[in-house]
N, C-alpha and C. Protein backbone atom coordinates (compact mmCIF):
# COMPACT_ATOMS: atom_id res chain seq x y z
N MET A 1 -197.10 -39.80 12.53
CA MET A 1 -196.18 -38.77 12.10
C MET A 1 -196.32 -37.56 13.01
N GLY A 2 -195.22 -36.87 13.26
CA GLY A 2 -195.23 -35.71 14.14
C GLY A 2 -195.76 -34.49 13.43
N HIS A 3 -195.86 -33.44 14.17
CA HIS A 3 -196.33 -32.19 13.62
C HIS A 3 -195.15 -31.37 13.15
N ASP A 4 -195.21 -30.93 11.91
CA ASP A 4 -194.11 -30.17 11.32
C ASP A 4 -194.16 -28.69 11.69
N ALA A 5 -195.34 -28.21 12.08
CA ALA A 5 -195.48 -26.77 12.34
C ALA A 5 -196.42 -26.53 13.53
N ILE A 6 -196.14 -25.43 14.22
CA ILE A 6 -197.03 -24.96 15.27
C ILE A 6 -197.50 -23.57 14.84
N LEU A 7 -198.79 -23.39 14.75
CA LEU A 7 -199.38 -22.08 14.48
C LEU A 7 -199.83 -21.52 15.82
N GLN A 8 -199.19 -20.44 16.26
CA GLN A 8 -199.53 -19.81 17.52
C GLN A 8 -200.29 -18.53 17.24
N VAL A 9 -201.47 -18.41 17.83
CA VAL A 9 -202.25 -17.18 17.73
C VAL A 9 -202.26 -16.58 19.13
N ARG A 10 -201.71 -15.39 19.28
CA ARG A 10 -201.54 -14.76 20.59
C ARG A 10 -202.13 -13.36 20.62
N ALA A 11 -202.47 -12.91 21.82
CA ALA A 11 -202.94 -11.54 22.05
C ALA A 11 -202.43 -11.10 23.41
N ASP A 12 -202.21 -9.80 23.58
CA ASP A 12 -201.79 -9.26 24.87
C ASP A 12 -203.00 -9.02 25.76
N ARG A 13 -204.08 -9.65 25.44
CA ARG A 13 -205.34 -9.52 26.15
C ARG A 13 -206.08 -10.84 25.99
N GLN A 14 -207.23 -10.95 26.59
CA GLN A 14 -208.05 -12.15 26.40
C GLN A 14 -208.65 -12.12 25.00
N MET A 15 -208.54 -13.21 24.26
CA MET A 15 -209.14 -13.27 22.93
C MET A 15 -210.66 -13.32 23.07
N THR A 16 -211.35 -12.64 22.17
CA THR A 16 -212.81 -12.66 22.19
C THR A 16 -213.32 -13.97 21.62
N GLU A 17 -214.59 -14.27 21.88
CA GLU A 17 -215.19 -15.48 21.33
C GLU A 17 -215.22 -15.43 19.81
N ASP A 18 -215.49 -14.24 19.26
CA ASP A 18 -215.51 -14.09 17.80
C ASP A 18 -214.14 -14.38 17.19
N GLU A 19 -213.08 -13.89 17.83
CA GLU A 19 -211.73 -14.14 17.33
C GLU A 19 -211.40 -15.64 17.40
N THR A 20 -211.75 -16.26 18.50
CA THR A 20 -211.50 -17.69 18.64
C THR A 20 -212.27 -18.49 17.60
N ARG A 21 -213.51 -18.14 17.39
CA ARG A 21 -214.34 -18.82 16.39
C ARG A 21 -213.76 -18.61 14.99
N SER A 22 -213.31 -17.40 14.70
CA SER A 22 -212.72 -17.11 13.39
C SER A 22 -211.47 -17.96 13.16
N VAL A 23 -210.61 -18.07 14.18
CA VAL A 23 -209.39 -18.87 14.05
C VAL A 23 -209.76 -20.33 13.78
N HIS A 24 -210.72 -20.87 14.51
CA HIS A 24 -211.14 -22.26 14.31
C HIS A 24 -211.70 -22.47 12.89
N ASN A 25 -212.50 -21.53 12.42
CA ASN A 25 -213.07 -21.63 11.06
C ASN A 25 -211.98 -21.58 10.00
N ILE A 26 -211.05 -20.66 10.15
CA ILE A 26 -209.98 -20.50 9.17
C ILE A 26 -209.09 -21.74 9.13
N VAL A 27 -208.70 -22.23 10.29
CA VAL A 27 -207.85 -23.43 10.34
C VAL A 27 -208.60 -24.61 9.75
N GLY A 28 -209.89 -24.73 10.05
CA GLY A 28 -210.68 -25.81 9.49
C GLY A 28 -210.73 -25.79 7.98
N LYS A 29 -210.78 -24.59 7.41
CA LYS A 29 -210.85 -24.48 5.94
C LYS A 29 -209.49 -24.65 5.28
N TYR A 30 -208.46 -23.99 5.80
CA TYR A 30 -207.17 -23.97 5.12
C TYR A 30 -206.24 -25.12 5.53
N CYS A 31 -206.65 -25.92 6.49
CA CYS A 31 -205.85 -27.09 6.87
C CYS A 31 -206.69 -28.36 6.73
N SER A 32 -207.65 -28.35 5.82
CA SER A 32 -208.60 -29.46 5.71
C SER A 32 -207.99 -30.75 5.19
N GLY A 33 -206.88 -30.70 4.50
CA GLY A 33 -206.30 -31.92 3.96
C GLY A 33 -205.22 -32.53 4.84
N VAL A 34 -204.96 -31.93 5.99
CA VAL A 34 -203.87 -32.38 6.85
C VAL A 34 -204.38 -32.59 8.28
N ASP A 35 -203.59 -33.28 9.07
CA ASP A 35 -203.94 -33.48 10.48
C ASP A 35 -203.55 -32.24 11.29
N TYR A 36 -204.41 -31.88 12.22
CA TYR A 36 -204.11 -30.78 13.11
C TYR A 36 -204.86 -30.98 14.42
N GLU A 37 -204.34 -30.34 15.47
CA GLU A 37 -205.02 -30.38 16.76
C GLU A 37 -204.80 -29.06 17.49
N TYR A 38 -205.80 -28.69 18.30
CA TYR A 38 -205.78 -27.42 19.02
C TYR A 38 -205.31 -27.63 20.45
N LEU A 39 -204.67 -26.60 20.99
CA LEU A 39 -204.32 -26.55 22.40
C LEU A 39 -204.57 -25.12 22.86
N ASP A 40 -205.48 -24.94 23.81
CA ASP A 40 -205.74 -23.61 24.35
C ASP A 40 -204.66 -23.27 25.35
N VAL A 41 -204.11 -22.06 25.22
CA VAL A 41 -203.10 -21.57 26.14
C VAL A 41 -203.61 -20.28 26.77
N LYS A 42 -202.86 -19.73 27.69
CA LYS A 42 -203.34 -18.60 28.49
C LYS A 42 -203.86 -17.43 27.66
N ARG A 43 -203.11 -16.98 26.69
CA ARG A 43 -203.53 -15.82 25.90
C ARG A 43 -203.61 -16.12 24.42
N GLY A 44 -204.15 -17.29 24.09
CA GLY A 44 -204.28 -17.61 22.68
C GLY A 44 -204.54 -19.07 22.42
N ILE A 45 -204.13 -19.49 21.24
CA ILE A 45 -204.37 -20.85 20.76
C ILE A 45 -203.10 -21.35 20.07
N ASP A 46 -202.75 -22.60 20.31
CA ASP A 46 -201.71 -23.28 19.54
C ASP A 46 -202.40 -24.32 18.67
N VAL A 47 -201.99 -24.38 17.41
CA VAL A 47 -202.52 -25.39 16.50
C VAL A 47 -201.31 -26.16 15.97
N TYR A 48 -201.28 -27.46 16.26
CA TYR A 48 -200.21 -28.32 15.79
C TYR A 48 -200.64 -28.91 14.45
N ILE A 49 -199.87 -28.63 13.40
CA ILE A 49 -200.25 -28.97 12.03
C ILE A 49 -199.15 -29.81 11.39
N THR A 50 -199.53 -30.79 10.57
CA THR A 50 -198.54 -31.66 9.93
C THR A 50 -197.99 -31.09 8.63
N ASN A 51 -198.42 -29.90 8.22
CA ASN A 51 -197.96 -29.33 6.96
C ASN A 51 -197.61 -27.86 7.16
N VAL A 52 -196.37 -27.50 6.88
CA VAL A 52 -195.90 -26.13 7.07
C VAL A 52 -196.63 -25.14 6.16
N ALA A 53 -196.85 -25.53 4.91
CA ALA A 53 -197.51 -24.63 3.96
C ALA A 53 -198.93 -24.30 4.43
N SER A 54 -199.63 -25.28 4.97
CA SER A 54 -200.98 -25.04 5.48
C SER A 54 -200.95 -24.08 6.66
N ALA A 55 -199.96 -24.21 7.53
CA ALA A 55 -199.82 -23.31 8.68
C ALA A 55 -199.57 -21.88 8.21
N ARG A 56 -198.71 -21.72 7.23
CA ARG A 56 -198.43 -20.38 6.69
C ARG A 56 -199.67 -19.78 6.02
N HIS A 57 -200.38 -20.60 5.28
CA HIS A 57 -201.58 -20.13 4.58
C HIS A 57 -202.66 -19.70 5.59
N ALA A 58 -202.87 -20.51 6.62
CA ALA A 58 -203.85 -20.17 7.65
C ALA A 58 -203.43 -18.89 8.39
N ALA A 59 -202.14 -18.74 8.68
CA ALA A 59 -201.65 -17.54 9.37
C ALA A 59 -201.91 -16.29 8.54
N ALA A 60 -201.67 -16.38 7.24
CA ALA A 60 -201.91 -15.23 6.36
C ALA A 60 -203.39 -14.86 6.36
N ARG A 61 -204.24 -15.86 6.35
CA ARG A 61 -205.69 -15.59 6.33
C ARG A 61 -206.16 -15.01 7.67
N ILE A 62 -205.61 -15.50 8.77
CA ILE A 62 -205.95 -14.96 10.10
C ILE A 62 -205.56 -13.49 10.17
N MET A 63 -204.38 -13.15 9.65
CA MET A 63 -203.94 -11.76 9.65
C MET A 63 -204.85 -10.89 8.79
N LYS A 64 -205.32 -11.42 7.67
CA LYS A 64 -206.20 -10.66 6.79
C LYS A 64 -207.54 -10.38 7.47
N VAL A 65 -208.05 -11.37 8.20
CA VAL A 65 -209.37 -11.24 8.83
C VAL A 65 -209.29 -10.46 10.14
N LEU A 66 -208.32 -10.79 11.00
CA LEU A 66 -208.27 -10.22 12.34
C LEU A 66 -207.20 -9.15 12.53
N GLY A 67 -206.27 -9.04 11.58
CA GLY A 67 -205.18 -8.09 11.72
C GLY A 67 -204.03 -8.69 12.50
N GLY A 68 -203.05 -7.88 12.79
CA GLY A 68 -201.92 -8.34 13.58
C GLY A 68 -200.65 -8.46 12.77
N SER A 69 -199.67 -9.13 13.38
CA SER A 69 -198.37 -9.30 12.74
C SER A 69 -197.96 -10.77 12.82
N LYS A 70 -197.02 -11.15 11.95
CA LYS A 70 -196.59 -12.55 11.87
C LYS A 70 -195.09 -12.63 12.08
N LYS A 71 -194.67 -13.69 12.75
CA LYS A 71 -193.26 -13.98 12.92
C LYS A 71 -193.08 -15.48 12.74
N GLU A 72 -192.00 -15.87 12.08
CA GLU A 72 -191.77 -17.29 11.82
C GLU A 72 -190.37 -17.68 12.27
N SER A 73 -190.27 -18.87 12.84
CA SER A 73 -188.97 -19.38 13.26
C SER A 73 -188.94 -20.89 13.02
N SER A 74 -187.72 -21.45 13.05
CA SER A 74 -187.58 -22.89 12.88
C SER A 74 -186.60 -23.40 13.92
N LYS A 75 -186.74 -24.68 14.22
CA LYS A 75 -185.90 -25.32 15.22
C LYS A 75 -185.44 -26.67 14.68
N TYR A 76 -184.14 -26.90 14.75
CA TYR A 76 -183.57 -28.18 14.31
C TYR A 76 -184.04 -29.27 15.27
N LEU A 77 -184.55 -30.37 14.72
CA LEU A 77 -184.98 -31.49 15.56
C LEU A 77 -183.98 -32.64 15.53
N ARG A 78 -183.76 -33.21 14.34
CA ARG A 78 -182.88 -34.37 14.23
C ARG A 78 -182.68 -34.71 12.74
N VAL A 79 -181.81 -35.68 12.51
CA VAL A 79 -181.65 -36.25 11.17
C VAL A 79 -182.33 -37.61 11.20
N GLN A 80 -183.23 -37.82 10.25
CA GLN A 80 -183.95 -39.09 10.19
C GLN A 80 -183.96 -39.58 8.75
N GLY A 81 -183.42 -40.75 8.53
CA GLY A 81 -183.38 -41.31 7.18
C GLY A 81 -182.58 -40.45 6.22
N GLY A 82 -181.55 -39.79 6.71
CA GLY A 82 -180.72 -38.94 5.86
C GLY A 82 -181.29 -37.56 5.60
N LYS A 83 -182.46 -37.25 6.17
CA LYS A 83 -183.06 -35.92 5.99
C LYS A 83 -183.03 -35.15 7.31
N VAL A 84 -182.74 -33.88 7.22
CA VAL A 84 -182.76 -33.02 8.40
C VAL A 84 -184.20 -32.60 8.66
N LEU A 85 -184.67 -32.79 9.88
CA LEU A 85 -186.03 -32.43 10.25
C LEU A 85 -186.03 -31.17 11.11
N TYR A 86 -186.92 -30.26 10.77
CA TYR A 86 -187.08 -29.03 11.50
C TYR A 86 -188.53 -28.92 11.97
N GLN A 87 -188.75 -28.17 13.04
CA GLN A 87 -190.11 -27.83 13.44
C GLN A 87 -190.25 -26.32 13.25
N PHE A 88 -191.28 -25.94 12.52
CA PHE A 88 -191.52 -24.53 12.24
C PHE A 88 -192.58 -23.99 13.19
N THR A 89 -192.37 -22.76 13.62
CA THR A 89 -193.35 -22.08 14.45
C THR A 89 -193.76 -20.81 13.73
N VAL A 90 -195.05 -20.65 13.49
CA VAL A 90 -195.60 -19.45 12.87
C VAL A 90 -196.48 -18.79 13.91
N ARG A 91 -196.11 -17.57 14.33
CA ARG A 91 -196.86 -16.87 15.36
C ARG A 91 -197.59 -15.68 14.76
N VAL A 92 -198.86 -15.58 15.06
CA VAL A 92 -199.65 -14.41 14.68
C VAL A 92 -200.02 -13.70 15.97
N LYS A 93 -199.59 -12.47 16.09
CA LYS A 93 -199.92 -11.68 17.27
C LYS A 93 -201.03 -10.71 16.88
N LEU A 94 -202.16 -10.84 17.56
CA LEU A 94 -203.33 -10.01 17.25
C LEU A 94 -203.13 -8.59 17.76
N PRO A 95 -203.86 -7.62 17.18
CA PRO A 95 -203.74 -6.23 17.62
C PRO A 95 -204.19 -6.07 19.07
N LYS A 96 -203.77 -4.96 19.69
CA LYS A 96 -204.14 -4.69 21.09
C LYS A 96 -205.63 -4.53 21.27
N GLU A 97 -206.29 -3.99 20.26
CA GLU A 97 -207.75 -3.82 20.31
C GLU A 97 -208.40 -4.93 19.51
N ALA A 98 -209.46 -5.51 20.05
CA ALA A 98 -210.19 -6.57 19.33
C ALA A 98 -210.81 -5.96 18.08
N SER A 99 -210.70 -6.67 16.97
CA SER A 99 -211.21 -6.16 15.71
C SER A 99 -212.69 -6.51 15.49
N GLY A 100 -213.23 -7.32 16.38
CA GLY A 100 -214.60 -7.75 16.21
C GLY A 100 -214.74 -8.78 15.13
N GLY A 101 -213.66 -9.48 14.80
CA GLY A 101 -213.56 -10.47 13.72
C GLY A 101 -214.86 -11.08 13.25
N ARG A 102 -214.86 -11.44 12.03
CA ARG A 102 -216.03 -12.10 11.47
C ARG A 102 -215.95 -13.58 11.79
N TYR A 103 -217.06 -14.28 11.68
CA TYR A 103 -217.11 -15.69 12.04
C TYR A 103 -216.33 -16.55 11.09
N GLY A 104 -216.00 -16.12 9.97
CA GLY A 104 -215.27 -16.94 9.03
C GLY A 104 -214.28 -16.11 8.29
N PHE A 105 -214.69 -15.57 7.22
CA PHE A 105 -213.73 -14.90 6.38
C PHE A 105 -214.40 -13.77 5.74
């Protein structure tokens, strides 16, 4: 099965090790019942998740721990078996200054 959502964590600077560790811990906890995989990108992390609700929940928790803002969008993919399929993208943009994030929550 494909990934229904992409959780993008971005910063206008290099993410700190603490921020990266916090994101991995949060995704591990709030997406534990679904499949997900990480992809490191230039200024952040992409997490491909099979459940949109888990992606939204993890994004909210990342914002609570590290700060930042959230933006959500969707993209039409196709009709399969009479159902319209969309891919959701949830982006969390971290603050300009590193918050010194905690290792978990």
